[in-house]
PDB file of N, CA and C in Angstrom:
ATOM      1  N   MET A   1      -8.668 -11.787  -2.682  1.00  0.00           N
ATOM      2  CA  MET A   1      -9.183 -11.084  -1.528  1.00  0.00           C
ATOM      3  C   MET A   1      -8.547  -9.697  -1.462  1.00  0.00           C
ATOM      4  N   LYS A   2      -9.368  -8.696  -1.230  1.00  0.00           N
ATOM      5  CA  LYS A   2      -8.869  -7.332  -1.113  1.00  0.00           C
ATOM      6  C   LYS A   2      -8.951  -6.883   0.334  1.00  0.00           C
ATOM      7  N   LYS A   3      -7.862  -6.296   0.820  1.00  0.00           N
ATOM      8  CA  LYS A   3      -7.787  -5.794   2.189  1.00  0.00           C
ATOM      9  C   LYS A   3      -7.836  -4.273   2.141  1.00  0.00           C
ATOM     10  N   LYS A   4      -8.795  -3.682   2.867  1.00  0.00           N
ATOM     11  CA  LYS A   4      -8.949  -2.229   2.900  1.00  0.00           C
ATOM     12  C   LYS A   4      -8.302  -1.656   4.153  1.00  0.00           C
ATOM     13  N   PHE A   5      -7.604  -0.562   3.949  1.00  0.00           N
ATOM     14  CA  PHE A   5      -7.016   0.206   5.037  1.00  0.00           C
ATOM     15  C   PHE A   5      -7.561   1.620   4.887  1.00  0.00           C
ATOM     16  N   GLU A   6      -8.222   2.132   5.927  1.00  0.00           N
ATOM     17  CA  GLU A   6      -8.850   3.456   5.842  1.00  0.00           C
ATOM     18  C   GLU A   6      -8.559   4.277   7.087  1.00  0.00           C
ATOM     19  N   GLU A   7      -8.318   5.566   6.854  1.00  0.00           N
ATOM     20  CA  GLU A   7      -8.194   6.528   7.946  1.00  0.00           C
ATOM     21  C   GLU A   7      -8.528   7.899   7.375  1.00  0.00           C
ATOM     22  N   GLY A   8      -9.531   8.539   7.911  1.00  0.00           N
ATOM     23  CA  GLY A   8      -9.962   9.830   7.387  1.00  0.00           C
ATOM     24  C   GLY A   8     -10.407   9.695   5.945  1.00  0.00           C
ATOM     25  N   ASP A   9      -9.880  10.552   5.091  1.00  0.00           N
ATOM     26  CA  ASP A   9     -10.224  10.525   3.672  1.00  0.00           C
ATOM     27  C   ASP A   9      -9.358   9.570   2.859  1.00  0.00           C
ATOM     28  N   ILE A  10      -8.380   8.966   3.483  1.00  0.00           N
ATOM     29  CA  ILE A  10      -7.448   8.109   2.755  1.00  0.00           C
ATOM     30  C   ILE A  10      -7.901   6.655   2.838  1.00  0.00           C
ATOM     31  N   LYS A  11      -7.959   6.040   1.660  1.00  0.00           N
ATOM     32  CA  LYS A  11      -8.292   4.620   1.593  1.00  0.00           C
ATOM     33  C   LYS A  11      -7.292   3.933   0.669  1.00  0.00           C
ATOM     34  N   ILE A  12      -6.681   2.889   1.173  1.00  0.00           N
ATOM     35  CA  ILE A  12      -5.759   2.079   0.384  1.00  0.00           C
ATOM     36  C   ILE A  12      -6.298   0.658   0.372  1.00  0.00           C
ATOM     37  N   ILE A  13      -6.337   0.076  -0.815  1.00  0.00           N
ATOM     38  CA  ILE A  13      -6.784  -1.304  -0.964  1.00  0.00           C
ATOM     39  C   ILE A  13      -5.623  -2.105  -1.538  1.00  0.00           C
ATOM     40  N   VAL A  14      -5.293  -3.201  -0.866  1.00  0.00           N
ATOM     41  CA  VAL A  14      -4.253  -4.106  -1.353  1.00  0.00           C
ATOM     42  C   VAL A  14      -4.941  -5.395  -1.786  1.00  0.00           C
ATOM     43  N   ASP A  15      -4.785  -5.737  -3.041  1.00  0.00           N
ATOM     44  CA  ASP A  15      -5.359  -6.970  -3.585  1.00  0.00           C
ATOM     45  C   ASP A  15      -4.413  -8.119  -3.240  1.00  0.00           C
ATOM     46  N   TYR A  16      -4.792  -8.902  -2.250  1.00  0.00           N
ATOM     47  CA  TYR A  16      -3.925  -9.979  -1.783  1.00  0.00           C
ATOM     48  C   TYR A  16      -3.810 -11.129  -2.779  1.00  0.00           C
ATOM     49  N   ASP A  17      -4.678 -11.176  -3.771  1.00  0.00           N
ATOM     50  CA  ASP A  17      -4.530 -12.176  -4.825  1.00  0.00           C
ATOM     51  C   ASP A  17      -3.384 -11.801  -5.766  1.00  0.00           C
ATOM     52  N   LYS A  18      -3.106 -10.499  -5.865  1.00  0.00           N
ATOM     53  CA  LYS A  18      -2.027 -10.011  -6.729  1.00  0.00           C
ATOM     54  C   LYS A  18      -0.723  -9.762  -5.978  1.00  0.00           C
ATOM     55  N   CYS A  19      -0.812  -9.427  -4.693  1.00  0.00           N
ATOM     56  CA  CYS A  19       0.368  -9.091  -3.898  1.00  0.00           C
ATOM     57  C   CYS A  19       1.235 -10.324  -3.673  1.00  0.00           C
ATOM     58  N   THR A  20       2.499 -10.216  -4.035  1.00  0.00           N
ATOM     59  CA  THR A  20       3.436 -11.326  -3.835  1.00  0.00           C
ATOM     60  C   THR A  20       4.456 -11.021  -2.742  1.00  0.00           C
ATOM     61  N   GLY A  21       4.308  -9.862  -2.098  1.00  0.00           N
ATOM     62  CA  GLY A  21       5.169  -9.530  -0.971  1.00  0.00           C
ATOM     63  C   GLY A  21       6.585  -9.169  -1.321  1.00  0.00           C
ATOM     64  N   VAL A  22       6.824  -8.676  -2.538  1.00  0.00           N
ATOM     65  CA  VAL A  22       8.191  -8.309  -2.921  1.00  0.00           C
ATOM     66  C   VAL A  22       8.680  -7.060  -2.195  1.00  0.00           C
ATOM     67  N   GLY A  23       7.759  -6.256  -1.676  1.00  0.00           N
ATOM     68  CA  GLY A  23       8.145  -5.125  -0.839  1.00  0.00           C
ATOM     69  C   GLY A  23       8.535  -3.856  -1.558  1.00  0.00           C
ATOM     70  N   GLU A  24       8.212  -3.731  -2.821  1.00  0.00           N
ATOM     71  CA  GLU A  24       8.533  -2.490  -3.537  1.00  0.00           C
ATOM     72  C   GLU A  24       7.796  -1.299  -2.925  1.00  0.00           C
ATOM     73  N   CYS A  25       6.601  -1.528  -2.398  1.00  0.00           N
ATOM     74  CA  CYS A  25       5.850  -0.451  -1.740  1.00  0.00           C
ATOM     75  C   CYS A  25       6.569   0.009  -0.476  1.00  0.00           C
ATOM     76  N   VAL A  26       7.160  -0.921   0.236  1.00  0.00           N
ATOM     77  CA  VAL A  26       7.912  -0.594   1.449  1.00  0.00           C
ATOM     78  C   VAL A  26       9.087   0.309   1.101  1.00  0.00           C
ATOM     79  N   THR A  27       9.803  -0.036   0.067  1.00  0.00           N
ATOM     80  CA  THR A  27      10.973   0.721  -0.363  1.00  0.00           C
ATOM     81  C   THR A  27      10.586   2.088  -0.918  1.00  0.00           C
ATOM     82  N   ALA A  28       9.499   2.153  -1.670  1.00  0.00           N
ATOM     83  CA  ALA A  28       9.105   3.383  -2.355  1.00  0.00           C
ATOM     84  C   ALA A  28       8.471   4.417  -1.440  1.00  0.00           C
ATOM     85  N   CYS A  29       7.798   3.995  -0.405  1.00  0.00           N
ATOM     86  CA  CYS A  29       7.042   4.922   0.439  1.00  0.00           C
ATOM     87  C   CYS A  29       7.981   5.811   1.253  1.00  0.00           C
ATOM     88  N   PRO A  30       7.910   7.138   1.042  1.00  0.00           N
ATOM     89  CA  PRO A  30       8.821   8.034   1.760  1.00  0.00           C
ATOM     90  C   PRO A  30       8.491   8.218   3.244  1.00  0.00           C
ATOM     91  N   VAL A  31       7.305   7.804   3.668  1.00  0.00           N
ATOM     92  CA  VAL A  31       6.931   7.952   5.078  1.00  0.00           C
ATOM     93  C   VAL A  31       6.853   6.592   5.783  1.00  0.00           C
ATOM     94  N   GLU A  32       7.390   5.556   5.141  1.00  0.00           N
ATOM     95  CA  GLU A  32       7.491   4.213   5.725  1.00  0.00           C
ATOM     96  C   GLU A  32       6.157   3.707   6.257  1.00  0.00           C
ATOM     97  N   MET A  33       5.137   3.808   5.426  1.00  0.00           N
ATOM     98  CA  MET A  33       3.794   3.424   5.827  1.00  0.00           C
ATOM     99  C   MET A  33       3.507   1.948   5.589  1.00  0.00           C
ATOM    100  N   PHE A  34       4.267   1.289   4.761  1.00  0.00           N
ATOM    101  CA  PHE A  34       4.017  -0.109   4.422  1.00  0.00           C
ATOM    102  C   PHE A  34       5.003  -1.037   5.109  1.00  0.00           C
ATOM    103  N   GLU A  35       4.550  -2.255   5.330  1.00  0.00           N
ATOM    104  CA  GLU A  35       5.439  -3.343   5.729  1.00  0.00           C
ATOM    105  C   GLU A  35       4.861  -4.630   5.164  1.00  0.00           C
ATOM    106  N   VAL A  36       5.708  -5.636   5.031  1.00  0.00           N
ATOM    107  CA  VAL A  36       5.259  -6.936   4.543  1.00  0.00           C
ATOM    108  C   VAL A  36       5.166  -7.874   5.734  1.00  0.00           C
ATOM    109  N   VAL A  37       3.980  -8.437   5.918  1.00  0.00           N
ATOM    110  CA  VAL A  37       3.719  -9.361   7.019  1.00  0.00           C
ATOM    111  C   VAL A  37       3.125 -10.637   6.428  1.00  0.00           C
ATOM    112  N   ASP A  38       3.728 -11.741   6.734  1.00  0.00           N
ATOM    113  CA  ASP A  38       3.267 -13.032   6.212  1.00  0.00           C
ATOM    114  C   ASP A  38       3.141 -13.022   4.690  1.00  0.00           C
ATOM    115  N   GLY A  39       4.068 -12.344   4.020  1.00  0.00           N
ATOM    116  CA  GLY A  39       4.113 -12.345   2.564  1.00  0.00           C
ATOM    117  C   GLY A  39       3.148 -11.406   1.875  1.00  0.00           C
ATOM    118  N   LYS A  40       2.513 -10.520   2.627  1.00  0.00           N
ATOM    119  CA  LYS A  40       1.561  -9.569   2.044  1.00  0.00           C
ATOM    120  C   LYS A  40       1.825  -8.173   2.589  1.00  0.00           C
ATOM    121  N   ALA A  41       1.572  -7.159   1.763  1.00  0.00           N
ATOM    122  CA  ALA A  41       1.763  -5.772   2.174  1.00  0.00           C
ATOM    123  C   ALA A  41       0.619  -5.325   3.070  1.00  0.00           C
ATOM    124  N   ILE A  42       0.974  -4.607   4.114  1.00  0.00           N
ATOM    125  CA  ILE A  42      -0.039  -3.965   4.946  1.00  0.00           C
ATOM    126  C   ILE A  42       0.298  -2.479   5.043  1.00  0.00           C
ATOM    127  N   ALA A  43      -0.754  -1.666   5.095  1.00  0.00           N
ATOM    128  CA  ALA A  43      -0.580  -0.224   5.229  1.00  0.00           C
ATOM    129  C   ALA A  43      -0.874   0.139   6.676  1.00  0.00           C
ATOM    130  N   LYS A  44       0.107   0.714   7.333  1.00  0.00           N
ATOM    131  CA  LYS A  44      -0.049   1.109   8.729  1.00  0.00           C
ATOM    132  C   LYS A  44       0.117   2.621   8.815  1.00  0.00           C
ATOM    133  N   ASN A  45      -0.361   3.217   9.861  1.00  0.00           N
ATOM    134  CA  ASN A  45      -0.196   4.658  10.072  1.00  0.00           C
ATOM    135  C   ASN A  45      -0.645   5.483   8.870  1.00  0.00           C
ATOM    136  N   LEU A  46      -1.855   5.252   8.394  1.00  0.00           N
ATOM    137  CA  LEU A  46      -2.347   5.983   7.235  1.00  0.00           C
ATOM    138  C   LEU A  46      -2.347   7.490   7.442  1.00  0.00           C
ATOM    139  N   GLY A  47      -2.409   7.935   8.676  1.00  0.00           N
ATOM    140  CA  GLY A  47      -2.358   9.357   8.962  1.00  0.00           C
ATOM    141  C   GLY A  47      -1.057  10.007   8.520  1.00  0.00           C
ATOM    142  N   GLU A  48      -0.018   9.217   8.309  1.00  0.00           N
ATOM    143  CA  GLU A  48       1.280   9.719   7.855  1.00  0.00           C
ATOM    144  C   GLU A  48       1.351   9.850   6.335  1.00  0.00           C
ATOM    145  N   CYS A  49       0.387   9.280   5.630  1.00  0.00           N
ATOM    146  CA  CYS A  49       0.405   9.250   4.163  1.00  0.00           C
ATOM    147  C   CYS A  49       0.404  10.666   3.594  1.00  0.00           C
ATOM    148  N   ILE A  50       1.310  10.926   2.645  1.00  0.00           N
ATOM    149  CA  ILE A  50       1.378  12.228   1.992  1.00  0.00           C
ATOM    150  C   ILE A  50       0.751  12.181   0.596  1.00  0.00           C
ATOM    151  N   GLU A  51       0.088  11.094   0.280  1.00  0.00           N
ATOM    152  CA  GLU A  51      -0.665  10.920  -0.970  1.00  0.00           C
ATOM    153  C   GLU A  51       0.190  11.136  -2.213  1.00  0.00           C
ATOM    154  N   CYS A  52       1.394  10.604  -2.194  1.00  0.00           N
ATOM    155  CA  CYS A  52       2.321  10.774  -3.312  1.00  0.00           C
ATOM    156  C   CYS A  52       2.151   9.708  -4.389  1.00  0.00           C
ATOM    157  N   CYS A  53       1.459   8.642  -4.068  1.00  0.00           N
ATOM    158  CA  CYS A  53       1.179   7.549  -5.000  1.00  0.00           C
ATOM    159  C   CYS A  53       2.401   6.704  -5.362  1.00  0.00           C
ATOM    160  N   ALA A  54       3.491   6.858  -4.621  1.00  0.00           N
ATOM    161  CA  ALA A  54       4.694   6.069  -4.897  1.00  0.00           C
ATOM    162  C   ALA A  54       4.419   4.575  -4.758  1.00  0.00           C
ATOM    163  N   CYS A  55       3.585   4.206  -3.802  1.00  0.00           N
ATOM    164  CA  CYS A  55       3.268   2.796  -3.580  1.00  0.00           C
ATOM    165  C   CYS A  55       2.562   2.182  -4.788  1.00  0.00           C
ATOM    166  N   VAL A  56       1.607   2.935  -5.327  1.00  0.00           N
ATOM    167  CA  VAL A  56       0.854   2.461  -6.495  1.00  0.00           C
ATOM    168  C   VAL A  56       1.792   2.286  -7.682  1.00  0.00           C
ATOM    169  N   ASN A  57       2.636   3.267  -7.914  1.00  0.00           N
ATOM    170  CA  ASN A  57       3.556   3.223  -9.049  1.00  0.00           C
ATOM    171  C   ASN A  57       4.645   2.169  -8.892  1.00  0.00           C
ATOM    172  N   ALA A  58       5.027   1.863  -7.663  1.00  0.00           N
ATOM    173  CA  ALA A  58       6.128   0.923  -7.426  1.00  0.00           C
ATOM    174  C   ALA A  58       5.707  -0.539  -7.507  1.00  0.00           C
ATOM    175  N   CYS A  59       4.460  -0.828  -7.253  1.00  0.00           N
ATOM    176  CA  CYS A  59       4.019  -2.224  -7.198  1.00  0.00           C
ATOM    177  C   CYS A  59       4.076  -2.877  -8.577  1.00  0.00           C
ATOM    178  N   PRO A  60       4.906  -3.908  -8.732  1.00  0.00           N
ATOM    179  CA  PRO A  60       5.040  -4.543 -10.038  1.00  0.00           C
ATOM    180  C   PRO A  60       3.817  -5.381 -10.424  1.00  0.00           C
ATOM    181  N   ASN A  61       2.949  -5.654  -9.460  1.00  0.00           N
ATOM    182  CA  ASN A  61       1.781  -6.496  -9.716  1.00  0.00           C
ATOM    183  C   ASN A  61       0.470  -5.714  -9.760  1.00  0.00           C
ATOM    184  N   GLU A  62       0.571  -4.382  -9.671  1.00  0.00           N
ATOM    185  CA  GLU A  62      -0.608  -3.514  -9.673  1.00  0.00           C
ATOM    186  C   GLU A  62      -1.619  -3.958  -8.619  1.00  0.00           C
ATOM    187  N   ALA A  63      -1.114  -4.262  -7.417  1.00  0.00           N
ATOM    188  CA  ALA A  63      -1.945  -4.772  -6.336  1.00  0.00           C
ATOM    189  C   ALA A  63      -2.454  -3.688  -5.403  1.00  0.00           C
ATOM    190  N   ILE A  64      -1.998  -2.444  -5.592  1.00  0.00           N
ATOM    191  CA  ILE A  64      -2.355  -1.364  -4.661  1.00  0.00           C
ATOM    192  C   ILE A  64      -3.230  -0.331  -5.348  1.00  0.00           C
ATOM    193  N   GLU A  65      -4.367  -0.027  -4.706  1.00  0.00           N
ATOM    194  CA  GLU A  65      -5.229   1.071  -5.139  1.00  0.00           C
ATOM    195  C   GLU A  65      -5.208   2.112  -4.029  1.00  0.00           C
ATOM    196  N   HIS A  66      -5.149   3.376  -4.418  1.00  0.00           N
ATOM    197  CA  HIS A  66      -5.098   4.471  -3.453  1.00  0.00           C
ATOM    198  C   HIS A  66      -6.154   5.487  -3.825  1.00  0.00           C
ATOM    199  N   SER A  67      -6.892   5.980  -2.845  1.00  0.00           N
ATOM    200  CA  SER A  67      -7.984   6.913  -3.113  1.00  0.00           C
ATOM    201  C   SER A  67      -7.525   8.215  -3.761  1.00  0.00           C
ATOM    202  N   SER A  68      -6.257   8.551  -3.652  1.00  0.00           N
ATOM    203  CA  SER A  68      -5.746   9.800  -4.213  1.00  0.00           C
ATOM    204  C   SER A  68      -5.087   9.633  -5.579  1.00  0.00           C
ATOM    205  N   CYS A  69      -4.955   8.420  -6.025  1.00  0.00           N
ATOM    206  CA  CYS A  69      -4.192   8.193  -7.264  1.00  0.00           C
ATOM    207  C   CYS A  69      -5.083   7.815  -8.446  1.00  0.00           C
TER     208      CYS A  69
END
């Protein structure tokens, strides 16, 4: 199952079949946009995203897609 998070031109998709909730996206994101809830990553406050792609690069399971990356 893929969960979409969208705000303005930014779209982040987290593949919940691949996400294991290790939280590397939480640690990597410089604007603290991610959190792990019930073992899965969620993207909150997309308006804060600086489109650096750190979340995509940090995920060991390649579970994150970002419209800018």
